[in-house]
Amino acid sequence: RVRAIELQQVRVGRNAETGRREVVPTSDEVEELPADLVLLAIGF
């Protein structure tokens, strides 16, 4: 079962070569956040 997530600061942009959307971490720092229930509401 899920108990937590690791969270990073990110930047959303476009890959210069492919033009595709990409999510790039802006820091190596990782934060742990408690999570007993995770819901993905990322579209259809």
PDB file of all heavy atoms in Angstrom:
ATOM      1  N   ARG A   1       0.838  -1.202   0.000  1.00  0.00           N
ATOM      2  CA  ARG A   1       0.000   0.000   0.000  1.00  0.00           C
ATOM      3  C   ARG A   1       0.874   1.254   0.000  1.00  0.00           C
ATOM      4  O   ARG A   1       1.973   1.266   0.546  1.00  0.00           O
ATOM      5  CB  ARG A   1      -0.918   0.041   1.223  1.00  0.00           C
ATOM      6  CG  ARG A   1      -2.078  -0.935   1.183  1.00  0.00           C
ATOM      7  CD  ARG A   1      -3.160  -0.516   2.171  1.00  0.00           C
ATOM      8  NE  ARG A   1      -3.686   0.811   1.856  1.00  0.00           N
ATOM      9  CZ  ARG A   1      -4.641   1.055   0.961  1.00  0.00           C
ATOM     10  NH1 ARG A   1      -5.183   0.052   0.291  1.00  0.00           N
ATOM     11  NH2 ARG A   1      -5.058   2.288   0.743  1.00  0.00           N
ATOM     12  N   VAL A   2       0.359   2.295  -0.599  1.00  0.00           N
ATOM     13  CA  VAL A   2       1.079   3.561  -0.612  1.00  0.00           C
ATOM     14  C   VAL A   2       1.040   4.185   0.792  1.00  0.00           C
ATOM     15  O   VAL A   2       0.042   4.096   1.504  1.00  0.00           O
ATOM     16  CB  VAL A   2       0.465   4.528  -1.654  1.00  0.00           C
ATOM     17  CG1 VAL A   2      -0.943   4.957  -1.272  1.00  0.00           C
ATOM     18  CG2 VAL A   2       1.359   5.745  -1.872  1.00  0.00           C
ATOM     19  N   ARG A   3       2.158   4.776   1.196  1.00  0.00           N
ATOM     20  CA  ARG A   3       2.218   5.455   2.496  1.00  0.00           C
ATOM     21  C   ARG A   3       2.701   6.902   2.368  1.00  0.00           C
ATOM     22  O   ARG A   3       2.478   7.719   3.249  1.00  0.00           O
ATOM     23  CB  ARG A   3       3.134   4.711   3.455  1.00  0.00           C
ATOM     24  CG  ARG A   3       4.604   4.721   3.056  1.00  0.00           C
ATOM     25  CD  ARG A   3       5.514   4.254   4.189  1.00  0.00           C
ATOM     26  NE  ARG A   3       6.923   4.281   3.773  1.00  0.00           N
ATOM     27  CZ  ARG A   3       7.682   5.382   3.798  1.00  0.00           C
ATOM     28  NH1 ARG A   3       7.171   6.532   4.223  1.00  0.00           N
ATOM     29  NH2 ARG A   3       8.942   5.330   3.406  1.00  0.00           N
ATOM     30  N   ALA A   4       3.394   7.205   1.233  1.00  0.00           N
ATOM     31  CA  ALA A   4       3.944   8.552   1.058  1.00  0.00           C
ATOM     32  C   ALA A   4       4.326   8.750  -0.401  1.00  0.00           C
ATOM     33  O   ALA A   4       4.331   7.810  -1.204  1.00  0.00           O
ATOM     34  CB  ALA A   4       5.162   8.756   1.961  1.00  0.00           C
ATOM     35  N   ILE A   5       4.648   9.993  -0.736  1.00  0.00           N
ATOM     36  CA  ILE A   5       5.183  10.309  -2.065  1.00  0.00           C
ATOM     37  C   ILE A   5       6.466  11.105  -1.894  1.00  0.00           C
ATOM     38  O   ILE A   5       6.681  11.762  -0.864  1.00  0.00           O
ATOM     39  CB  ILE A   5       4.188  11.134  -2.910  1.00  0.00           C
ATOM     40  CG1 ILE A   5       3.868  12.470  -2.223  1.00  0.00           C
ATOM     41  CG2 ILE A   5       2.920  10.348  -3.192  1.00  0.00           C
ATOM     42  CD1 ILE A   5       3.105  13.448  -3.081  1.00  0.00           C
ATOM     43  N   GLU A   6       7.331  10.992  -2.883  1.00  0.00           N
ATOM     44  CA  GLU A   6       8.502  11.851  -2.954  1.00  0.00           C
ATOM     45  C   GLU A   6       8.202  12.973  -3.943  1.00  0.00           C
ATOM     46  O   GLU A   6       7.812  12.722  -5.086  1.00  0.00           O
ATOM     47  CB  GLU A   6       9.733  11.055  -3.400  1.00  0.00           C
ATOM     48  CG  GLU A   6      10.258  10.105  -2.339  1.00  0.00           C
ATOM     49  CD  GLU A   6      11.527   9.408  -2.754  1.00  0.00           C
ATOM     50  OE1 GLU A   6      11.877   9.466  -3.958  1.00  0.00           O
ATOM     51  OE2 GLU A   6      12.187   8.814  -1.872  1.00  0.00           O
ATOM     52  N   LEU A   7       8.433  14.192  -3.495  1.00  0.00           N
ATOM     53  CA  LEU A   7       8.027  15.368  -4.255  1.00  0.00           C
ATOM     54  C   LEU A   7       9.248  16.182  -4.647  1.00  0.00           C
ATOM     55  O   LEU A   7      10.171  16.369  -3.850  1.00  0.00           O
ATOM     56  CB  LEU A   7       7.083  16.215  -3.385  1.00  0.00           C
ATOM     57  CG  LEU A   7       6.105  17.156  -4.072  1.00  0.00           C
ATOM     58  CD1 LEU A   7       5.156  16.380  -4.971  1.00  0.00           C
ATOM     59  CD2 LEU A   7       5.303  17.918  -3.016  1.00  0.00           C
ATOM     60  N   GLN A   8       9.247  16.671  -5.904  1.00  0.00           N
ATOM     61  CA  GLN A   8      10.322  17.508  -6.404  1.00  0.00           C
ATOM     62  C   GLN A   8       9.777  18.780  -7.043  1.00  0.00           C
ATOM     63  O   GLN A   8       8.691  18.779  -7.616  1.00  0.00           O
ATOM     64  CB  GLN A   8      11.143  16.757  -7.461  1.00  0.00           C
ATOM     65  CG  GLN A   8      12.264  15.907  -6.928  1.00  0.00           C
ATOM     66  CD  GLN A   8      13.137  15.379  -8.044  1.00  0.00           C
ATOM     67  OE1 GLN A   8      12.626  14.769  -8.986  1.00  0.00           O
ATOM     68  NE2 GLN A   8      14.440  15.613  -7.966  1.00  0.00           N
ATOM     69  N   GLN A   9      10.573  19.850  -6.943  1.00  0.00           N
ATOM     70  CA  GLN A   9      10.265  21.065  -7.683  1.00  0.00           C
ATOM     71  C   GLN A   9      10.583  20.822  -9.162  1.00  0.00           C
ATOM     72  O   GLN A   9      11.606  20.216  -9.492  1.00  0.00           O
ATOM     73  CB  GLN A   9      11.095  22.241  -7.166  1.00  0.00           C
ATOM     74  CG  GLN A   9      10.819  22.619  -5.728  1.00  0.00           C
ATOM     75  CD  GLN A   9       9.477  23.305  -5.570  1.00  0.00           C
ATOM     76  OE1 GLN A   9       9.052  24.077  -6.438  1.00  0.00           O
ATOM     77  NE2 GLN A   9       8.786  23.015  -4.477  1.00  0.00           N
ATOM     78  N   VAL A  10       9.679  21.283 -10.069  1.00  0.00           N
ATOM     79  CA  VAL A  10       9.871  21.009 -11.488  1.00  0.00           C
ATOM     80  C   VAL A  10       9.544  22.236 -12.340  1.00  0.00           C
ATOM     81  O   VAL A  10       8.945  23.208 -11.861  1.00  0.00           O
ATOM     82  CB  VAL A  10       8.981  19.828 -11.959  1.00  0.00           C
ATOM     83  CG1 VAL A  10       9.350  18.538 -11.235  1.00  0.00           C
ATOM     84  CG2 VAL A  10       7.500  20.160 -11.772  1.00  0.00           C
ATOM     85  N   ARG A  11       9.936  22.122 -13.582  1.00  0.00           N
ATOM     86  CA  ARG A  11       9.579  23.120 -14.596  1.00  0.00           C
ATOM     87  C   ARG A  11       9.018  22.386 -15.800  1.00  0.00           C
ATOM     88  O   ARG A  11       9.577  21.374 -16.242  1.00  0.00           O
ATOM     89  CB  ARG A  11      10.817  23.930 -15.004  1.00  0.00           C
ATOM     90  CG  ARG A  11      10.585  24.891 -16.170  1.00  0.00           C
ATOM     91  CD  ARG A  11      11.875  25.615 -16.539  1.00  0.00           C
ATOM     92  NE  ARG A  11      12.967  24.681 -16.816  1.00  0.00           N
ATOM     93  CZ  ARG A  11      13.135  24.047 -17.970  1.00  0.00           C
ATOM     94  NH1 ARG A  11      12.258  24.216 -18.971  1.00  0.00           N
ATOM     95  NH2 ARG A  11      14.163  23.229 -18.142  1.00  0.00           N
ATOM     96  N   VAL A  12       7.934  22.891 -16.351  1.00  0.00           N
ATOM     97  CA  VAL A  12       7.309  22.291 -17.526  1.00  0.00           C
ATOM     98  C   VAL A  12       7.713  23.102 -18.749  1.00  0.00           C
ATOM     99  O   VAL A  12       7.596  24.328 -18.766  1.00  0.00           O
ATOM    100  CB  VAL A  12       5.773  22.257 -17.399  1.00  0.00           C
ATOM    101  CG1 VAL A  12       5.141  21.646 -18.655  1.00  0.00           C
ATOM    102  CG2 VAL A  12       5.345  21.486 -16.161  1.00  0.00           C
ATOM    103  N   GLY A  13       8.208  22.398 -19.774  1.00  0.00           N
ATOM    104  CA  GLY A  13       8.618  23.080 -20.989  1.00  0.00           C
ATOM    105  C   GLY A  13       8.482  22.182 -22.194  1.00  0.00           C
ATOM    106  O   GLY A  13       7.816  21.152 -22.160  1.00  0.00           O
ATOM    107  N   ARG A  14       9.117  22.585 -23.288  1.00  0.00           N
ATOM    108  CA  ARG A  14       9.113  21.820 -24.536  1.00  0.00           C
ATOM    109  C   ARG A  14      10.535  21.388 -24.864  1.00  0.00           C
ATOM    110  O   ARG A  14      11.476  22.186 -24.776  1.00  0.00           O
ATOM    111  CB  ARG A  14       8.551  22.658 -25.688  1.00  0.00           C
ATOM    112  CG  ARG A  14       7.092  23.030 -25.540  1.00  0.00           C
ATOM    113  CD  ARG A  14       6.193  21.848 -25.857  1.00  0.00           C
ATOM    114  NE  ARG A  14       4.777  22.167 -25.633  1.00  0.00           N
ATOM    115  CZ  ARG A  14       3.795  21.293 -25.785  1.00  0.00           C
ATOM    116  NH1 ARG A  14       4.079  20.049 -26.156  1.00  0.00           N
ATOM    117  NH2 ARG A  14       2.551  21.629 -25.563  1.00  0.00           N
ATOM    118  N   ASN A  15      10.662  20.146 -25.241  1.00  0.00           N
ATOM    119  CA  ASN A  15      11.955  19.646 -25.666  1.00  0.00           C
ATOM    120  C   ASN A  15      12.366  20.340 -26.965  1.00  0.00           C
ATOM    121  O   ASN A  15      11.587  20.381 -27.925  1.00  0.00           O
ATOM    122  CB  ASN A  15      11.898  18.132 -25.859  1.00  0.00           C
ATOM    123  CG  ASN A  15      13.241  17.531 -26.185  1.00  0.00           C
ATOM    124  OD1 ASN A  15      13.750  17.684 -27.287  1.00  0.00           O
ATOM    125  ND2 ASN A  15      13.813  16.833 -25.213  1.00  0.00           N
ATOM    126  N   ALA A  16      13.565  20.878 -26.987  1.00  0.00           N
ATOM    127  CA  ALA A  16      14.014  21.661 -28.147  1.00  0.00           C
ATOM    128  C   ALA A  16      14.092  20.819 -29.411  1.00  0.00           C
ATOM    129  O   ALA A  16      13.876  21.331 -30.517  1.00  0.00           O
ATOM    130  CB  ALA A  16      15.370  22.284 -27.848  1.00  0.00           C
ATOM    131  N   GLU A  17      14.385  19.535 -29.272  1.00  0.00           N
ATOM    132  CA  GLU A  17      14.544  18.679 -30.446  1.00  0.00           C
ATOM    133  C   GLU A  17      13.224  18.069 -30.907  1.00  0.00           C
ATOM    134  O   GLU A  17      12.928  18.056 -32.104  1.00  0.00           O
ATOM    135  CB  GLU A  17      15.556  17.571 -30.142  1.00  0.00           C
ATOM    136  CG  GLU A  17      16.960  18.085 -29.888  1.00  0.00           C
ATOM    137  CD  GLU A  17      17.937  16.950 -29.619  1.00  0.00           C
ATOM    138  OE1 GLU A  17      17.511  15.771 -29.631  1.00  0.00           O
ATOM    139  OE2 GLU A  17      19.137  17.253 -29.407  1.00  0.00           O
ATOM    140  N   THR A  18      12.441  17.564 -29.976  1.00  0.00           N
ATOM    141  CA  THR A  18      11.198  16.862 -30.338  1.00  0.00           C
ATOM    142  C   THR A  18       9.977  17.758 -30.316  1.00  0.00           C
ATOM    143  O   THR A  18       8.959  17.446 -30.944  1.00  0.00           O
ATOM    144  CB  THR A  18      10.965  15.682 -29.391  1.00  0.00           C
ATOM    145  OG1 THR A  18      10.727  16.179 -28.058  1.00  0.00           O
ATOM    146  CG2 THR A  18      12.159  14.750 -29.369  1.00  0.00           C
ATOM    147  N   GLY A  19      10.054  18.872 -29.574  1.00  0.00           N
ATOM    148  CA  GLY A  19       8.888  19.738 -29.432  1.00  0.00           C
ATOM    149  C   GLY A  19       7.862  19.211 -28.459  1.00  0.00           C
ATOM    150  O   GLY A  19       6.813  19.828 -28.269  1.00  0.00           O
ATOM    151  N   ARG A  20       8.152  18.081 -27.830  1.00  0.00           N
ATOM    152  CA  ARG A  20       7.201  17.485 -26.901  1.00  0.00           C
ATOM    153  C   ARG A  20       7.301  18.131 -25.516  1.00  0.00           C
ATOM    154  O   ARG A  20       8.360  18.599 -25.097  1.00  0.00           O
ATOM    155  CB  ARG A  20       7.456  15.978 -26.782  1.00  0.00           C
ATOM    156  CG  ARG A  20       7.134  15.206 -28.057  1.00  0.00           C
ATOM    157  CD  ARG A  20       7.381  13.722 -27.846  1.00  0.00           C
ATOM    158  NE  ARG A  20       7.045  12.948 -29.037  1.00  0.00           N
ATOM    159  CZ  ARG A  20       7.190  11.640 -29.146  1.00  0.00           C
ATOM    160  NH1 ARG A  20       7.680  10.943 -28.114  1.00  0.00           N
ATOM    161  NH2 ARG A  20       6.854  11.015 -30.253  1.00  0.00           N
ATOM    162  N   ARG A  21       6.189  18.097 -24.823  1.00  0.00           N
ATOM    163  CA  ARG A  21       6.137  18.611 -23.462  1.00  0.00           C
ATOM    164  C   ARG A  21       7.006  17.739 -22.564  1.00  0.00           C
ATOM    165  O   ARG A  21       6.999  16.517 -22.658  1.00  0.00           O
ATOM    166  CB  ARG A  21       4.692  18.593 -22.969  1.00  0.00           C
ATOM    167  CG  ARG A  21       4.479  19.003 -21.529  1.00  0.00           C
ATOM    168  CD  ARG A  21       3.000  18.884 -21.193  1.00  0.00           C
ATOM    169  NE  ARG A  21       2.717  19.154 -19.800  1.00  0.00           N
ATOM    170  CZ  ARG A  21       2.821  18.259 -18.817  1.00  0.00           C
ATOM    171  NH1 ARG A  21       3.219  17.025 -19.083  1.00  0.00           N
ATOM    172  NH2 ARG A  21       2.525  18.589 -17.583  1.00  0.00           N
ATOM    173  N   GLU A  22       7.773  18.374 -21.678  1.00  0.00           N
ATOM    174  CA  GLU A  22       8.586  17.617 -20.740  1.00  0.00           C
ATOM    175  C   GLU A  22       8.593  18.315 -19.379  1.00  0.00           C
ATOM    176  O   GLU A  22       8.472  19.535 -19.284  1.00  0.00           O
ATOM    177  CB  GLU A  22      10.016  17.443 -21.254  1.00  0.00           C
ATOM    178  CG  GLU A  22      10.770  18.735 -21.465  1.00  0.00           C
ATOM    179  CD  GLU A  22      12.190  18.494 -21.978  1.00  0.00           C
ATOM    180  OE1 GLU A  22      12.530  17.328 -22.252  1.00  0.00           O
ATOM    181  OE2 GLU A  22      12.959  19.467 -22.086  1.00  0.00           O
ATOM    182  N   VAL A  23       8.705  17.500 -18.338  1.00  0.00           N
ATOM    183  CA  VAL A  23       8.739  17.990 -16.969  1.00  0.00           C
ATOM    184  C   VAL A  23      10.148  17.757 -16.438  1.00  0.00           C
ATOM    185  O   VAL A  23      10.599  16.606 -16.348  1.00  0.00           O
ATOM    186  CB  VAL A  23       7.697  17.259 -16.096  1.00  0.00           C
ATOM    187  CG1 VAL A  23       7.729  17.802 -14.674  1.00  0.00           C
ATOM    188  CG2 VAL A  23       6.302  17.416 -16.698  1.00  0.00           C
ATOM    189  N   VAL A  24      10.843  18.836 -16.095  1.00  0.00           N
ATOM    190  CA  VAL A  24      12.259  18.759 -15.717  1.00  0.00           C
ATOM    191  C   VAL A  24      12.422  19.201 -14.269  1.00  0.00           C
ATOM    192  O   VAL A  24      11.960  20.295 -13.892  1.00  0.00           O
ATOM    193  CB  VAL A  24      13.113  19.655 -16.634  1.00  0.00           C
ATOM    194  CG1 VAL A  24      14.580  19.562 -16.254  1.00  0.00           C
ATOM    195  CG2 VAL A  24      12.897  19.282 -18.095  1.00  0.00           C
ATOM    196  N   PRO A  25      13.070  18.402 -13.416  1.00  0.00           N
ATOM    197  CA  PRO A  25      13.351  18.824 -12.038  1.00  0.00           C
ATOM    198  C   PRO A  25      14.241  20.068 -12.017  1.00  0.00           C
ATOM    199  O   PRO A  25      15.170  20.191 -12.816  1.00  0.00           O
ATOM    200  CB  PRO A  25      14.061  17.620 -11.421  1.00  0.00           C
ATOM    201  CG  PRO A  25      13.686  16.456 -12.283  1.00  0.00           C
ATOM    202  CD  PRO A  25      13.525  17.007 -13.675  1.00  0.00           C
ATOM    203  N   THR A  26      13.935  20.981 -11.124  1.00  0.00           N
ATOM    204  CA  THR A  26      14.741  22.194 -10.984  1.00  0.00           C
ATOM    205  C   THR A  26      15.629  22.137  -9.754  1.00  0.00           C
ATOM    206  O   THR A  26      16.391  23.069  -9.493  1.00  0.00           O
ATOM    207  CB  THR A  26      13.835  23.435 -10.900  1.00  0.00           C
ATOM    208  OG1 THR A  26      12.947  23.292  -9.790  1.00  0.00           O
ATOM    209  CG2 THR A  26      13.036  23.603 -12.182  1.00  0.00           C
ATOM    210  N   SER A  27      15.528  21.045  -8.992  1.00  0.00           N
ATOM    211  CA  SER A  27      16.332  20.881  -7.785  1.00  0.00           C
ATOM    212  C   SER A  27      16.494  19.391  -7.491  1.00  0.00           C
ATOM    213  O   SER A  27      15.620  18.592  -7.827  1.00  0.00           O
ATOM    214  CB  SER A  27      15.668  21.585  -6.604  1.00  0.00           C
ATOM    215  OG  SER A  27      16.307  21.243  -5.386  1.00  0.00           O
ATOM    216  N   ASP A  28      17.599  19.049  -6.854  1.00  0.00           N
ATOM    217  CA  ASP A  28      17.809  17.664  -6.448  1.00  0.00           C
ATOM    218  C   ASP A  28      17.123  17.354  -5.119  1.00  0.00           C
ATOM    219  O   ASP A  28      17.042  16.195  -4.716  1.00  0.00           O
ATOM    220  CB  ASP A  28      19.312  17.375  -6.306  1.00  0.00           C
ATOM    221  CG  ASP A  28      20.028  17.406  -7.654  1.00  0.00           C
ATOM    222  OD1 ASP A  28      19.356  17.119  -8.672  1.00  0.00           O
ATOM    223  OD2 ASP A  28      21.225  17.738  -7.682  1.00  0.00           O
ATOM    224  N   GLU A  29      16.633  18.382  -4.472  1.00  0.00           N
ATOM    225  CA  GLU A  29      16.000  18.193  -3.169  1.00  0.00           C
ATOM    226  C   GLU A  29      14.681  17.434  -3.318  1.00  0.00           C
ATOM    227  O   GLU A  29      13.875  17.750  -4.195  1.00  0.00           O
ATOM    228  CB  GLU A  29      15.745  19.545  -2.509  1.00  0.00           C
ATOM    229  CG  GLU A  29      15.160  19.438  -1.106  1.00  0.00           C
ATOM    230  CD  GLU A  29      14.953  20.807  -0.473  1.00  0.00           C
ATOM    231  OE1 GLU A  29      15.445  21.807  -1.041  1.00  0.00           O
ATOM    232  OE2 GLU A  29      14.292  20.873   0.576  1.00  0.00           O
ATOM    233  N   VAL A  30      14.482  16.440  -2.480  1.00  0.00           N
ATOM    234  CA  VAL A  30      13.275  15.620  -2.504  1.00  0.00           C
ATOM    235  C   VAL A  30      12.567  15.725  -1.159  1.00  0.00           C
ATOM    236  O   VAL A  30      13.197  15.566  -0.106  1.00  0.00           O
ATOM    237  CB  VAL A  30      13.605  14.144  -2.811  1.00  0.00           C
ATOM    238  CG1 VAL A  30      12.335  13.288  -2.737  1.00  0.00           C
ATOM    239  CG2 VAL A  30      14.241  14.019  -4.191  1.00  0.00           C
ATOM    240  N   GLU A  31      11.274  15.990  -1.205  1.00  0.00           N
ATOM    241  CA  GLU A  31      10.457  16.098   0.005  1.00  0.00           C
ATOM    242  C   GLU A  31       9.540  14.889   0.102  1.00  0.00           C
ATOM    243  O   GLU A  31       8.932  14.482  -0.883  1.00  0.00           O
ATOM    244  CB  GLU A  31       9.624  17.380  -0.055  1.00  0.00           C
ATOM    245  CG  GLU A  31       8.662  17.557   1.097  1.00  0.00           C
ATOM    246  CD  GLU A  31       7.758  18.766   0.923  1.00  0.00           C
ATOM    247  OE1 GLU A  31       7.929  19.495  -0.076  1.00  0.00           O
ATOM    248  OE2 GLU A  31       6.874  18.971   1.779  1.00  0.00           O
ATOM    249  N   GLU A  32       9.444  14.324   1.285  1.00  0.00           N
ATOM    250  CA  GLU A  32       8.536  13.195   1.489  1.00  0.00           C
ATOM    251  C   GLU A  32       7.243  13.699   2.119  1.00  0.00           C
ATOM    252  O   GLU A  32       7.267  14.396   3.131  1.00  0.00           O
ATOM    253  CB  GLU A  32       9.179  12.137   2.392  1.00  0.00           C
ATOM    254  CG  GLU A  32       8.334  10.876   2.529  1.00  0.00           C
ATOM    255  CD  GLU A  32       9.042   9.767   3.282  1.00  0.00           C
ATOM    256  OE1 GLU A  32      10.195   9.436   2.907  1.00  0.00           O
ATOM    257  OE2 GLU A  32       8.457   9.229   4.244  1.00  0.00           O
ATOM    258  N   LEU A  33       6.135  13.336   1.494  1.00  0.00           N
ATOM    259  CA  LEU A  33       4.827  13.806   1.943  1.00  0.00           C
ATOM    260  C   LEU A  33       3.944  12.599   2.254  1.00  0.00           C
ATOM    261  O   LEU A  33       3.833  11.686   1.427  1.00  0.00           O
ATOM    262  CB  LEU A  33       4.186  14.654   0.834  1.00  0.00           C
ATOM    263  CG  LEU A  33       2.972  15.508   1.177  1.00  0.00           C
ATOM    264  CD1 LEU A  33       3.364  16.642   2.113  1.00  0.00           C
ATOM    265  CD2 LEU A  33       2.361  16.082  -0.105  1.00  0.00           C
ATOM    266  N   PRO A  34       3.322  12.550   3.445  1.00  0.00           N
ATOM    267  CA  PRO A  34       2.454  11.413   3.762  1.00  0.00           C
ATOM    268  C   PRO A  34       1.310  11.295   2.756  1.00  0.00           C
ATOM    269  O   PRO A  34       0.729  12.303   2.335  1.00  0.00           O
ATOM    270  CB  PRO A  34       1.911  11.748   5.159  1.00  0.00           C
ATOM    271  CG  PRO A  34       2.851  12.758   5.712  1.00  0.00           C
ATOM    272  CD  PRO A  34       3.376  13.526   4.544  1.00  0.00           C
ATOM    273  N   ALA A  35       0.985  10.066   2.365  1.00  0.00           N
ATOM    274  CA  ALA A  35      -0.088   9.849   1.385  1.00  0.00           C
ATOM    275  C   ALA A  35      -0.647   8.440   1.555  1.00  0.00           C
ATOM    276  O   ALA A  35       0.009   7.461   1.196  1.00  0.00           O
ATOM    277  CB  ALA A  35       0.431  10.047  -0.025  1.00  0.00           C
ATOM    278  N   ASP A  36      -1.837   8.352   2.128  1.00  0.00           N
ATOM    279  CA  ASP A  36      -2.529   7.061   2.249  1.00  0.00           C
ATOM    280  C   ASP A  36      -3.454   6.819   1.059  1.00  0.00           C
ATOM    281  O   ASP A  36      -3.854   5.691   0.793  1.00  0.00           O
ATOM    282  CB  ASP A  36      -3.371   7.016   3.534  1.00  0.00           C
ATOM    283  CG  ASP A  36      -2.550   7.362   4.762  1.00  0.00           C
ATOM    284  OD1 ASP A  36      -1.537   6.698   4.984  1.00  0.00           O
ATOM    285  OD2 ASP A  36      -2.930   8.311   5.483  1.00  0.00           O
ATOM    286  N   LEU A  37      -3.825   7.903   0.382  1.00  0.00           N
ATOM    287  CA  LEU A  37      -4.703   7.826  -0.785  1.00  0.00           C
ATOM    288  C   LEU A  37      -4.227   8.842  -1.805  1.00  0.00           C
ATOM    289  O   LEU A  37      -4.122  10.037  -1.500  1.00  0.00           O
ATOM    290  CB  LEU A  37      -6.157   8.108  -0.393  1.00  0.00           C
ATOM    291  CG  LEU A  37      -7.195   8.160  -1.519  1.00  0.00           C
ATOM    292  CD1 LEU A  37      -7.288   6.820  -2.244  1.00  0.00           C
ATOM    293  CD2 LEU A  37      -8.565   8.567  -0.979  1.00  0.00           C
ATOM    294  N   VAL A  38      -3.899   8.373  -2.999  1.00  0.00           N
ATOM    295  CA  VAL A  38      -3.441   9.247  -4.080  1.00  0.00           C
ATOM    296  C   VAL A  38      -4.437   9.159  -5.225  1.00  0.00           C
ATOM    297  O   VAL A  38      -4.796   8.053  -5.665  1.00  0.00           O
ATOM    298  CB  VAL A  38      -2.039   8.844  -4.570  1.00  0.00           C
ATOM    299  CG1 VAL A  38      -1.601   9.751  -5.723  1.00  0.00           C
ATOM    300  CG2 VAL A  38      -1.029   8.915  -3.432  1.00  0.00           C
ATOM    301  N   LEU A  39      -4.881  10.310  -5.717  1.00  0.00           N
ATOM    302  CA  LEU A  39      -5.869  10.366  -6.791  1.00  0.00           C
ATOM    303  C   LEU A  39      -5.272  11.074  -7.999  1.00  0.00           C
ATOM    304  O   LEU A  39      -4.785  12.205  -7.882  1.00  0.00           O
ATOM    305  CB  LEU A  39      -7.122  11.099  -6.308  1.00  0.00           C
ATOM    306  CG  LEU A  39      -7.789  10.490  -5.067  1.00  0.00           C
ATOM    307  CD1 LEU A  39      -8.896  11.395  -4.545  1.00  0.00           C
ATOM    308  CD2 LEU A  39      -8.328   9.105  -5.372  1.00  0.00           C
ATOM    309  N   LEU A  40      -5.295  10.399  -9.137  1.00  0.00           N
ATOM    310  CA  LEU A  40      -4.736  10.948 -10.370  1.00  0.00           C
ATOM    311  C   LEU A  40      -5.831  11.656 -11.159  1.00  0.00           C
ATOM    312  O   LEU A  40      -6.707  11.013 -11.747  1.00  0.00           O
ATOM    313  CB  LEU A  40      -4.117   9.832 -11.210  1.00  0.00           C
ATOM    314  CG  LEU A  40      -3.053   8.972 -10.519  1.00  0.00           C
ATOM    315  CD1 LEU A  40      -2.571   7.869 -11.453  1.00  0.00           C
ATOM    316  CD2 LEU A  40      -1.874   9.828 -10.061  1.00  0.00           C
ATOM    317  N   ALA A  41      -5.790  12.970 -11.158  1.00  0.00           N
ATOM    318  CA  ALA A  41      -6.757  13.785 -11.891  1.00  0.00           C
ATOM    319  C   ALA A  41      -6.003  14.545 -12.977  1.00  0.00           C
ATOM    320  O   ALA A  41      -5.930  15.777 -12.968  1.00  0.00           O
ATOM    321  CB  ALA A  41      -7.478  14.741 -10.941  1.00  0.00           C
ATOM    322  N   ILE A  42      -5.422  13.788 -13.908  1.00  0.00           N
ATOM    323  CA  ILE A  42      -4.509  14.372 -14.897  1.00  0.00           C
ATOM    324  C   ILE A  42      -5.113  14.369 -16.297  1.00  0.00           C
ATOM    325  O   ILE A  42      -4.392  14.390 -17.292  1.00  0.00           O
ATOM    326  CB  ILE A  42      -3.157  13.633 -14.879  1.00  0.00           C
ATOM    327  CG1 ILE A  42      -3.331  12.114 -15.015  1.00  0.00           C
ATOM    328  CG2 ILE A  42      -2.409  13.955 -13.592  1.00  0.00           C
ATOM    329  CD1 ILE A  42      -2.018  11.344 -15.035  1.00  0.00           C
ATOM    330  N   GLY A  43      -6.431  14.333 -16.363  1.00  0.00           N
ATOM    331  CA  GLY A  43      -7.098  14.487 -17.644  1.00  0.00           C
ATOM    332  C   GLY A  43      -7.660  13.193 -18.199  1.00  0.00           C
ATOM    333  O   GLY A  43      -7.643  12.141 -17.550  1.00  0.00           O
ATOM    334  N   PHE A  44      -8.160  13.304 -19.427  1.00  0.00           N
ATOM    335  CA  PHE A  44      -8.793  12.180 -20.113  1.00  0.00           C
ATOM    336  C   PHE A  44      -8.174  12.021 -21.500  1.00  0.00           C
ATOM    337  O   PHE A  44      -7.762  13.002 -22.122  1.00  0.00           O
ATOM    338  CB  PHE A  44     -10.306  12.407 -20.230  1.00  0.00           C
ATOM    339  CG  PHE A  44     -10.996  12.474 -18.889  1.00  0.00           C
ATOM    340  CD1 PHE A  44     -11.104  13.678 -18.207  1.00  0.00           C
ATOM    341  CD2 PHE A  44     -11.529  11.333 -18.307  1.00  0.00           C
ATOM    342  CE1 PHE A  44     -11.733  13.748 -16.972  1.00  0.00           C
ATOM    343  CE2 PHE A  44     -12.159  11.387 -17.079  1.00  0.00           C
ATOM    344  CZ  PHE A  44     -12.259  12.587 -16.404  1.00  0.00           C
TER     345      PHE A  44
END
